[in-house]
Amino acid sequence: MSKTPIITDDVVKALESAVEAAGGLRAWGRQHQFTASYVSDVLNGRRNPSERLARAVGFVRVQGWERVT
């Protein structure tokens, strides 16, 4: 049974929701110690989310093996 891998878009969607819930990107950035410009860059696709940012919105990096058929 194979699980669908999480892609960057999923992390960005979670970030969008978290930013909205926090009242804006500056507020969310302050709460999680990220600059507003970095959060904005991730939201607008100019930068990839860091592992720390992904963790802040509930994701962890998982590595493993999957059988190729």
C-alpha atoms as a PDB file:
ATOM      1  CA  MET A   1       0.000   0.000   0.000  1.00  0.00           C
ATOM      2  CA  SER A   2       1.590   3.217  -1.145  1.00  0.00           C
ATOM      3  CA  LYS A   3       0.976   6.655   0.342  1.00  0.00           C
ATOM      4  CA  THR A   4       0.858   9.798  -1.774  1.00  0.00           C
ATOM      5  CA  PRO A   5       3.971  11.877  -1.114  1.00  0.00           C
ATOM      6  CA  ILE A   6       3.542  15.379   0.248  1.00  0.00           C
ATOM      7  CA  ILE A   7       4.692  17.952  -2.241  1.00  0.00           C
ATOM      8  CA  THR A   8       5.688  21.574  -1.762  1.00  0.00           C
ATOM      9  CA  ASP A   9       2.219  22.746  -2.804  1.00  0.00           C
ATOM     10  CA  ASP A  10       0.721  20.958   0.207  1.00  0.00           C
ATOM     11  CA  VAL A  11       3.094  22.744   2.571  1.00  0.00           C
ATOM     12  CA  VAL A  12       2.326  26.094   0.930  1.00  0.00           C
ATOM     13  CA  LYS A  13      -1.438  25.488   1.210  1.00  0.00           C
ATOM     14  CA  ALA A  14      -1.015  24.702   4.906  1.00  0.00           C
ATOM     15  CA  LEU A  15       1.074  27.868   5.290  1.00  0.00           C
ATOM     16  CA  GLU A  16      -1.649  29.930   3.602  1.00  0.00           C
ATOM     17  CA  SER A  17      -4.210  28.619   6.091  1.00  0.00           C
ATOM     18  CA  ALA A  18      -1.897  29.186   9.056  1.00  0.00           C
ATOM     19  CA  VAL A  19      -1.106  32.744   7.938  1.00  0.00           C
ATOM     20  CA  GLU A  20      -4.802  33.528   7.568  1.00  0.00           C
ATOM     21  CA  ALA A  21      -5.575  32.072  11.012  1.00  0.00           C
ATOM     22  CA  ALA A  22      -2.765  34.134  12.563  1.00  0.00           C
ATOM     23  CA  GLY A  23      -4.081  37.355  11.055  1.00  0.00           C
ATOM     24  CA  GLY A  24      -1.451  37.852   8.380  1.00  0.00           C
ATOM     25  CA  LEU A  25       2.019  36.864   7.304  1.00  0.00           C
ATOM     26  CA  ARG A  26       3.780  39.301   9.626  1.00  0.00           C
ATOM     27  CA  ALA A  27       1.912  37.946  12.642  1.00  0.00           C
ATOM     28  CA  TRP A  28       2.541  34.323  11.662  1.00  0.00           C
ATOM     29  CA  GLY A  29       6.201  35.070  10.911  1.00  0.00           C
ATOM     30  CA  ARG A  30       6.654  36.764  14.277  1.00  0.00           C
ATOM     31  CA  GLN A  31       5.066  33.820  16.099  1.00  0.00           C
ATOM     32  CA  HIS A  32       7.391  31.335  14.367  1.00  0.00           C
ATOM     33  CA  GLN A  33      10.516  33.497  14.010  1.00  0.00           C
ATOM     34  CA  PHE A  34      10.466  33.937  10.233  1.00  0.00           C
ATOM     35  CA  THR A  35      10.761  37.239   8.408  1.00  0.00           C
ATOM     36  CA  ALA A  36       7.683  38.518   6.633  1.00  0.00           C
ATOM     37  CA  SER A  37       9.673  38.677   3.389  1.00  0.00           C
ATOM     38  CA  TYR A  38      10.634  34.992   3.629  1.00  0.00           C
ATOM     39  CA  VAL A  39       7.037  33.934   4.333  1.00  0.00           C
ATOM     40  CA  SER A  40       5.873  36.071   1.408  1.00  0.00           C
ATOM     41  CA  ASP A  41       8.512  34.537  -0.882  1.00  0.00           C
ATOM     42  CA  VAL A  42       7.361  31.012   0.022  1.00  0.00           C
ATOM     43  CA  LEU A  43       3.700  31.904  -0.465  1.00  0.00           C
ATOM     44  CA  ASN A  44       4.452  33.426  -3.877  1.00  0.00           C
ATOM     45  CA  GLY A  45       6.654  30.577  -5.102  1.00  0.00           C
ATOM     46  CA  ARG A  46       9.893  32.567  -5.139  1.00  0.00           C
ATOM     47  CA  ARG A  47      11.481  30.293  -2.508  1.00  0.00           C
ATOM     48  CA  ASN A  48      10.928  26.740  -1.355  1.00  0.00           C
ATOM     49  CA  PRO A  49       9.795  26.184   2.220  1.00  0.00           C
ATOM     50  CA  SER A  50      12.577  25.255   4.606  1.00  0.00           C
ATOM     51  CA  GLU A  51      12.356  22.153   6.728  1.00  0.00           C
ATOM     52  CA  ARG A  52      11.790  24.363   9.799  1.00  0.00           C
ATOM     53  CA  LEU A  53       8.903  26.178   8.111  1.00  0.00           C
ATOM     54  CA  ALA A  54       7.360  22.880   6.999  1.00  0.00           C
ATOM     55  CA  ARG A  55       7.538  21.636  10.594  1.00  0.00           C
ATOM     56  CA  ALA A  56       5.877  24.854  11.790  1.00  0.00           C
ATOM     57  CA  VAL A  57       2.813  24.024   9.674  1.00  0.00           C
ATOM     58  CA  GLY A  58       2.743  20.370  10.686  1.00  0.00           C
ATOM     59  CA  PHE A  59       4.938  18.493   8.212  1.00  0.00           C
ATOM     60  CA  VAL A  60       8.079  16.415   8.686  1.00  0.00           C
ATOM     61  CA  ARG A  61      10.525  15.118   6.109  1.00  0.00           C
ATOM     62  CA  VAL A  62      10.232  11.368   5.677  1.00  0.00           C
ATOM     63  CA  GLN A  63      12.638   9.284   3.659  1.00  0.00           C
ATOM     64  CA  GLY A  64      12.160   5.680   2.759  1.00  0.00           C
ATOM     65  CA  TRP A  65      11.900   3.094   0.048  1.00  0.00           C
ATOM     66  CA  GLU A  66       9.040   2.146  -2.205  1.00  0.00           C
ATOM     67  CA  ARG A  67       8.879  -0.853  -4.520  1.00  0.00           C
ATOM     68  CA  VAL A  68       8.877  -0.033  -8.222  1.00  0.00           C
ATOM     69  CA  THR A  69       6.819  -2.450 -10.307  1.00  0.00           C
END
